[in-house]
Structure formats: C-alpha cells, structure tokens
Protein backbone atom coordinates (compact mmCIF):
# COMPACT_ATOMS: atom_id res chain seq x y z
CA UNK A 1 -0.02 0.36 -0.15
CA UNK A 2 1.68 3.14 -1.04
CA UNK A 3 2.13 6.27 1.17
CA UNK A 4 -0.86 8.58 0.00
CA UNK A 5 -3.62 5.84 0.21
CA UNK A 6 -2.37 5.52 4.16
CA UNK A 7 -2.87 9.32 4.14
CA UNK A 8 -5.79 9.21 3.01
CA UNK A 9 -7.73 6.11 4.50
CA UNK A 10 -6.68 8.21 8.09
CA UNK A 11 -7.66 11.41 7.01
CA UNK A 12 -11.15 9.77 6.31
CA UNK A 13 -11.54 7.23 8.96
CA UNK A 14 -14.19 8.11 11.82
CA UNK A 15 -10.90 7.41 13.93
CA UNK A 16 -9.24 10.44 13.13
CA UNK A 17 -11.42 12.36 12.25
CA UNK A 18 -11.29 13.59 16.32
CA UNK A 19 -14.37 14.20 18.35
CA UNK A 20 -17.51 15.61 16.60
CA UNK A 21 -18.25 18.68 16.83
CA UNK A 22 -22.10 19.15 18.42
CA UNK A 23 -24.89 21.30 16.62
CA UNK A 24 -25.84 24.06 18.93
CA UNK A 25 -29.98 22.72 20.87
CA UNK A 26 -32.26 24.65 20.38
CA UNK A 27 -33.80 26.43 23.16
CA UNK A 28 -36.36 23.84 24.86
CA UNK A 29 -40.07 25.52 25.20
CA UNK A 30 -41.57 24.49 28.49
CA UNK A 31 -45.36 22.92 26.81
CA UNK A 32 -46.91 23.96 30.08
CA UNK A 33 -46.35 27.53 30.21
CA UNK A 34 -47.14 27.36 26.24
CA UNK A 35 -50.32 25.60 27.31
CA UNK A 36 -50.83 28.27 30.01
CA UNK A 37 -49.97 31.69 27.53
CA UNK A 38 -52.27 30.01 25.08
CA UNK A 39 -55.38 29.81 27.97
CA UNK A 40 -54.39 33.31 29.16
CA UNK A 41 -55.12 35.26 26.24
CA UNK A 42 -57.77 32.89 24.55
CA UNK A 43 -59.44 33.51 28.18
CA UNK A 44 -58.51 37.28 27.47
CA UNK A 45 -59.87 37.47 24.27
CA UNK A 46 -63.42 36.09 25.41
CA UNK A 47 -63.29 38.57 27.86
CA UNK A 48 -62.88 41.44 25.69
CA UNK A 49 -65.64 39.88 22.58
CA UNK A 50 -67.68 38.88 24.59
CA UNK A 51 -69.87 41.84 25.86
CA UNK A 52 -69.19 43.23 21.34
CA UNK A 53 -70.67 39.88 20.61
CA UNK A 54 -74.38 40.38 22.98
CA UNK A 55 -74.03 43.61 21.54
CA UNK A 56 -74.54 42.23 18.02
CA UNK A 57 -76.74 39.34 19.17
CA UNK A 58 -78.99 41.48 21.31
CA UNK A 59 -79.75 44.15 18.07
CA UNK A 60 -80.58 41.30 17.20
CA UNK A 61 -83.63 40.80 18.20
CA UNK A 62 -87.34 42.26 18.54
CA UNK A 63 -88.52 44.11 21.96
CA UNK A 64 -89.93 40.29 23.75
CA UNK A 65 -86.45 38.32 22.71
CA UNK A 66 -84.52 40.67 24.18
CA UNK A 67 -85.69 39.87 27.75
CA UNK A 68 -87.68 36.63 27.28
CA UNK A 69 -84.11 34.91 25.43
CA UNK A 70 -81.02 33.98 26.09
CA UNK A 71 -78.77 36.79 26.06
CA UNK A 72 -75.76 35.05 23.89
CA UNK A 73 -78.20 33.27 22.10
CA UNK A 74 -80.18 34.45 17.81
CA UNK A 75 -83.73 34.20 18.92
CA UNK A 76 -85.85 35.68 15.10
CA UNK A 77 -83.26 38.35 13.13
CA UNK A 78 -84.88 42.14 13.03
CA UNK A 79 -81.26 43.55 13.15
CA UNK A 80 -82.65 45.83 9.98
CA UNK A 81 -86.30 46.79 11.16
CA UNK A 82 -84.51 47.79 14.70
CA UNK A 83 -81.76 49.66 12.21
CA UNK A 84 -84.12 50.70 10.55
CA UNK A 85 -86.35 52.89 13.46
CA UNK A 86 -82.98 53.83 15.10
CA UNK A 87 -81.75 56.07 11.79
CA UNK A 88 -85.21 57.21 11.43
CA UNK A 89 -86.13 57.86 14.96
CA UNK A 90 -86.03 61.96 16.45
CA UNK A 91 -86.25 63.27 12.58
CA UNK A 92 -83.03 61.18 11.55
CA UNK A 93 -80.82 62.25 14.68
CA UNK A 94 -78.78 59.58 15.05
CA UNK A 95 -76.69 59.78 11.81
CA UNK A 96 -76.28 63.33 12.92
CA UNK A 97 -74.40 62.09 16.03
CA UNK A 98 -72.49 59.67 14.07
CA UNK A 99 -70.55 62.38 11.90
CA UNK A 100 -70.28 65.31 14.90
CA UNK A 101 -68.03 62.09 16.59
CA UNK A 102 -66.70 61.36 13.09
CA UNK A 103 -66.01 65.20 13.35
CA UNK A 104 -64.44 64.92 16.69
CA UNK A 105 -63.05 61.75 16.80
CA UNK A 106 -61.15 62.26 12.85
CA UNK A 107 -60.13 66.27 13.02
CA UNK A 108 -59.30 65.83 17.10
CA UNK A 109 -56.94 62.65 16.39
CA UNK A 110 -55.16 64.56 12.95
CA UNK A 111 -54.30 67.73 15.27
CA UNK A 112 -53.71 65.68 18.12
CA UNK A 113 -51.14 64.03 15.78
CA UNK A 114 -49.29 66.65 14.02
CA UNK A 115 -49.23 68.52 17.05
CA UNK A 116 -47.86 65.41 19.23
CA UNK A 117 -45.03 64.06 16.71
CA UNK A 118 -43.92 68.08 16.16
CA UNK A 119 -44.10 68.80 19.82
CA UNK A 120 -41.68 65.02 20.66
CA UNK A 121 -39.83 65.38 17.39
CA UNK A 122 -38.78 69.20 18.74
CA UNK A 123 -38.10 67.76 22.24
CA UNK A 124 -36.16 64.50 21.02
CA UNK A 125 -33.60 66.92 18.42
CA UNK A 126 -33.47 70.02 19.22
CA UNK A 127 -31.22 71.67 22.61
CA UNK A 128 -33.27 74.01 24.52
CA UNK A 129 -32.86 75.66 28.15
CA UNK A 130 -36.04 73.76 30.32
CA UNK A 131 -35.94 70.62 27.88
CA UNK A 132 -35.66 68.21 30.73
CA UNK A 133 -39.03 69.91 32.92
CA UNK A 134 -41.36 70.46 29.70
CA UNK A 135 -40.88 66.08 29.19
CA UNK A 136 -41.38 65.89 32.63
CA UNK A 137 -44.36 68.22 32.91
CA UNK A 138 -45.59 66.43 29.65
CA UNK A 139 -45.47 63.12 31.27
CA UNK A 140 -47.30 64.17 34.96
CA UNK A 141 -50.26 65.28 32.02
CA UNK A 142 -50.28 61.81 30.57
CA UNK A 143 -51.34 60.66 34.35
CA UNK A 144 -53.76 63.18 35.06
CA UNK A 145 -56.99 61.56 34.04
CA UNK A 146 -58.90 63.93 31.69
CA UNK A 147 -62.15 63.81 33.88
CA UNK A 148 -60.98 66.86 36.38
CA UNK A 149 -59.82 69.00 33.62
CA UNK A 150 -63.42 69.49 32.68
CA UNK A 151 -64.52 71.89 35.21
CA UNK A 152 -62.30 73.77 34.64
CA UNK A 153 -62.15 73.86 31.29
CA UNK A 154 -66.15 75.00 30.98
CA UNK A 155 -65.94 77.95 32.80
CA UNK A 156 -63.06 78.98 30.53
CA UNK A 157 -64.85 78.02 27.83
CA UNK A 158 -67.80 80.38 28.92
CA UNK A 159 -65.29 82.93 29.97
CA UNK A 160 -64.76 83.33 26.03
CA UNK A 161 -68.11 82.13 24.62
CA UNK A 162 -67.05 78.59 22.91
CA UNK A 163 -69.70 76.59 25.61
CA UNK A 164 -72.29 75.04 22.88
CA UNK A 165 -70.22 75.32 19.84
CA UNK A 166 -67.99 72.99 18.12
CA UNK A 167 -65.12 74.12 19.62
CA UNK A 168 -65.60 73.36 22.90
CA UNK A 169 -65.72 69.67 22.56
CA UNK A 170 -62.57 70.43 19.10
CA UNK A 171 -59.86 72.59 21.13
CA UNK A 172 -59.32 69.90 23.94
CA UNK A 173 -59.38 67.23 22.08
CA UNK A 174 -55.70 68.04 20.35
CA UNK A 175 -53.96 68.94 22.87
CA UNK A 176 -52.59 64.97 23.51
CA UNK A 177 -49.68 64.75 26.57
CA UNK A 178 -49.47 60.63 25.73
CA UNK A 179 -49.07 61.49 21.44
CA UNK A 180 -46.26 64.43 22.74
CA UNK A 181 -44.39 61.28 24.68
CA UNK A 182 -44.55 58.75 22.48
CA UNK A 183 -43.62 61.21 19.56
CA UNK A 184 -40.77 61.76 21.55
CA UNK A 185 -39.40 58.10 22.16
CA UNK A 186 -40.24 57.23 18.77
CA UNK A 187 -38.22 59.87 16.85
CA UNK A 188 -34.92 59.73 19.25
CA UNK A 189 -34.71 55.84 18.38
CA UNK A 190 -36.10 56.28 15.32
CA UNK A 191 -34.70 58.89 13.47
CA UNK A 192 -30.55 59.45 12.14
CA UNK A 193 -29.23 62.53 13.11
CA UNK A 194 -26.41 62.45 9.93
CA UNK A 195 -29.56 62.67 8.38
CA UNK A 196 -30.75 65.85 9.86
CA UNK A 197 -27.28 66.84 9.26
CA UNK A 198 -26.66 65.93 6.04
CA UNK A 199 -30.61 67.52 5.33
CA UNK A 200 -28.88 71.19 7.13
CA UNK A 201 -26.06 70.72 5.13
CA UNK A 202 -28.46 70.84 1.98
CA UNK A 203 -29.99 73.13 2.68
CA UNK A 204 -32.97 72.55 3.61
CA UNK A 205 -34.90 74.22 6.49
CA UNK A 206 -36.06 73.32 9.81
CA UNK A 207 -40.10 72.57 9.08
CA UNK A 208 -39.17 71.59 5.80
CA UNK A 209 -36.73 69.14 7.16
CA UNK A 210 -39.92 67.82 9.64
CA UNK A 211 -42.81 67.58 6.65
CA UNK A 212 -40.54 65.79 3.93
CA UNK A 213 -38.52 63.17 6.07
CA UNK A 214 -38.73 63.86 9.83
CA UNK A 215 -42.42 62.79 9.49
CA UNK A 216 -42.24 59.68 7.01
CA UNK A 217 -39.73 57.86 9.43
CA UNK A 218 -41.96 58.53 12.05
CA UNK A 219 -45.44 57.10 9.92
CA UNK A 220 -45.34 53.97 11.94
CA UNK A 221 -45.68 55.51 16.01
CA UNK A 222 -48.38 58.35 14.47
CA UNK A 223 -50.75 56.09 13.50
CA UNK A 224 -50.97 54.24 16.71
CA UNK A 225 -50.71 58.06 18.15
CA UNK A 226 -53.89 58.89 16.12
CA UNK A 227 -55.71 55.58 16.42
CA UNK A 228 -55.43 55.94 20.50
CA UNK A 229 -55.98 59.71 19.77
CA UNK A 230 -59.23 58.31 17.60
CA UNK A 231 -60.48 56.56 20.08
CA UNK A 232 -59.95 58.41 23.78
CA UNK A 233 -62.20 60.87 21.29
CA UNK A 234 -64.82 58.88 20.35
CA UNK A 235 -65.26 57.19 23.51
CA UNK A 236 -65.04 61.14 25.61
CA UNK A 237 -68.23 60.66 27.51
CA UNK A 238 -68.10 63.88 29.91
CA UNK A 239 -66.53 66.71 28.26
CA UNK A 240 -69.40 66.81 25.40
CA UNK A 241 -71.77 66.17 28.11
CA UNK A 242 -70.43 69.39 30.11
CA UNK A 243 -70.33 71.21 27.40
CA UNK A 244 -72.54 70.82 25.04
CA UNK A 245 -77.11 71.03 25.40
CA UNK A 246 -78.20 71.75 21.71
CA UNK A 247 -78.81 67.72 20.43
CA UNK A 248 -77.56 68.13 17.12
CA UNK A 249 -73.59 68.78 18.92
CA UNK A 250 -73.74 65.66 20.29
CA UNK A 251 -72.03 63.16 19.99
CA UNK A 252 -72.84 58.86 19.54
CA UNK A 253 -71.85 58.78 23.15
CA UNK A 254 -73.61 61.51 24.38
CA UNK A 255 -76.80 61.56 21.59
CA UNK A 256 -77.65 57.38 23.47
CA UNK A 257 -77.12 58.46 27.18
CA UNK A 258 -79.79 60.82 26.35
CA UNK A 259 -82.09 58.21 24.49
CA UNK A 260 -81.63 56.30 27.72
CA UNK A 261 -82.30 59.14 30.21
CA UNK A 262 -84.78 61.60 28.82
CA UNK A 263 -88.12 61.62 29.83
CA UNK A 264 -89.34 59.96 26.36
CA UNK A 265 -89.05 56.49 27.37
CA UNK A 266 -86.90 54.90 24.35
CA UNK A 267 -87.46 51.55 23.82
CA UNK A 268 -84.33 49.58 24.52
CA UNK A 269 -83.35 46.91 21.49
CA UNK A 270 -83.07 51.15 19.72
CA UNK A 271 -80.43 52.21 22.34
CA UNK A 272 -78.30 48.68 22.06
CA UNK A 273 -78.74 48.63 18.56
CA UNK A 274 -77.29 52.28 18.33
CA UNK A 275 -74.20 50.63 20.61
CA UNK A 276 -73.33 48.29 18.11
CA UNK A 277 -73.98 50.41 15.71
CA UNK A 278 -71.56 52.97 16.86
CA UNK A 279 -68.68 50.86 17.23
CA UNK A 280 -67.87 49.64 13.76
CA UNK A 281 -66.16 52.98 12.97
CA UNK A 282 -63.78 51.74 15.98
CA UNK A 283 -63.10 48.42 15.12
CA UNK A 284 -62.67 49.38 11.12
CA UNK A 285 -60.75 51.92 12.59
CA UNK A 286 -58.51 49.21 14.00
CA UNK A 287 -58.71 46.79 11.67
CA UNK A 288 -57.90 48.88 9.04
CA UNK A 289 -54.48 50.13 10.27
CA UNK A 290 -53.24 47.10 12.79
CA UNK A 291 -50.20 46.61 10.31
CA UNK A 292 -49.05 50.27 10.65
CA UNK A 293 -50.31 50.28 14.40
CA UNK A 294 -47.78 46.90 15.25
CA UNK A 295 -45.05 48.47 13.79
CA UNK A 296 -45.55 51.64 16.12
CA UNK A 297 -45.60 49.95 18.87
CA UNK A 298 -42.47 47.74 18.46
CA UNK A 299 -40.36 50.27 16.17
CA UNK A 300 -36.79 50.60 18.43
CA UNK A 301 -37.72 47.93 20.49
CA UNK A 302 -34.36 45.60 18.79
CA UNK A 303 -31.34 48.30 17.65
CA UNK A 304 -29.21 46.77 14.37
C-alpha cells in the first residue's frame, strides 16, 4: 500500500476525524408555559369579545325576545328593522350624532397627532433650556385624568363664549400629552441625527426637514398616536356632556345617553342597536390600521 493511500485512509477514517462537533441544541420550550400562555390569551380574548358579541346578538332581537331569551343566543332576526328604527328616530338624530363623532374624532385625532409629532420631535432633536422640565410636565399630564380638567375648561370656555359649540369639544381634544410622549420616544430612537444634519447641509429648513423627512420616518408611530387619539375622543363622554346643550351637536355617546335617560321613553332595542352601530367605526379603524399600529408599537425594540 502506498504512502498516499495510507494518509488518505487516516484522514477519512472515523477514528482520525477527532471528536464530533455537536450542533447547538435549540432552546427547548416548556409545554406547560405554552399551554398556560395560550389559555390566558384565550380567556382575555373571550373577555374582550364577549360584550361585543352580546351587543350584536341583542341588536338582532325584538323587544319581546330581548329579555325573554338567552342574551348570548339568537332569537329571530330583526337587525335591519332595528337599524331602520334607530336611523329614523327623532327625525334622524342618530346619523347626525355619528357624523359629529366622526368630526370630533377625525379632526381632533389628526390635529392631536400633528401637534404631538411636532412637539415630540422638537423635544427629541433640539436642545433648549428647560427641556427636561418640559418633558416632565408632559409626563405629569399623561397621569392626570381628563375628567379632572372638564370643569376648569367649562369655566374658561364660558368666559370666551365657546360653550355649546364644536370648538368646546375640539380644542381640548387636540391636546394629547400621550401623543407628545410617544412621538418623542419614537423620534429619538428612529430618526438619525446624521440624516437631519445632511438635510441642513443641503440647505433644507427645519420645517421642510420635519414635514418631508421626519414625518415619513415617524409614520408608524403616528398611526398609533392617531388610533389612540381617535378612540379616546370617540369614547369621550363627560366633556361633551358638560360642554354641549344643543342635541344637534351631541356625539353619539351623549346622544345615546340622552335617549336612555331622557324623559321620552326609548325602547331598549333602539339604544342597544345604536350602541352596536357606534362601535363599528372603531372596529373598522383598528382592522384597517392594525399593521401600522403593530409596527409603531414594536419599532425601536431591536437595534441593528
């Protein structure tokens, strides 16, 4: 046997290959933890979806079936007739209330998002005296319930004659400390200082940098801010209840409350059907914007 063949045999033999390199073992998952997490999420999902299911099922029932049948099971199908009654009641007041809610929530949410983005971007990317104090004040504003400010706002707006107008609800709605906070955190984590400096070297002004560069980078967070602002304004009850006296200016929350507690007796099925219709825009907003919302929540969690 030649020397070359002996060398080849030694190289290729299992004994000469040395100790085998073990593949790294994938981190095992505890099956009990997985099952427990899934069970908790399932319970949470049922907890949040069950009221919506009850609202939908109850909207399909007649007045007699509403209290005589199981609340979570169907009994006949009167949804479309109930919707017709709601839309025609009080000379079509409900569609006007829905339109008012869309105005308050849409316009208020957009302006609150823009102001929050501008304020958060300024705090994140500019150095000025009192910056820490300003941001601490904004954090304190996040912790203060909005209901506590309703009476002072009412006294102030009554002095300047804005009570019982759209502005009495819109102006407080466009101020969102949470929008400033989230925008500041996102701008600090996602907008490189080098990009801003390069734009300045090219001769771009600060407003142009903000509207053409920064807003585009911040768009996932801004969708999140808009969703939270939209939902918060839509569900706002105490502020319009105090500020508005004219029923034509009511949002849908105050309008349904007026039906439920007013002197004129309103059938329960109309109030329930109106409540079901009032949550549909929120469902549409979340479903249509959820991919941007998830991106906004997770952005900045992992650094490259």
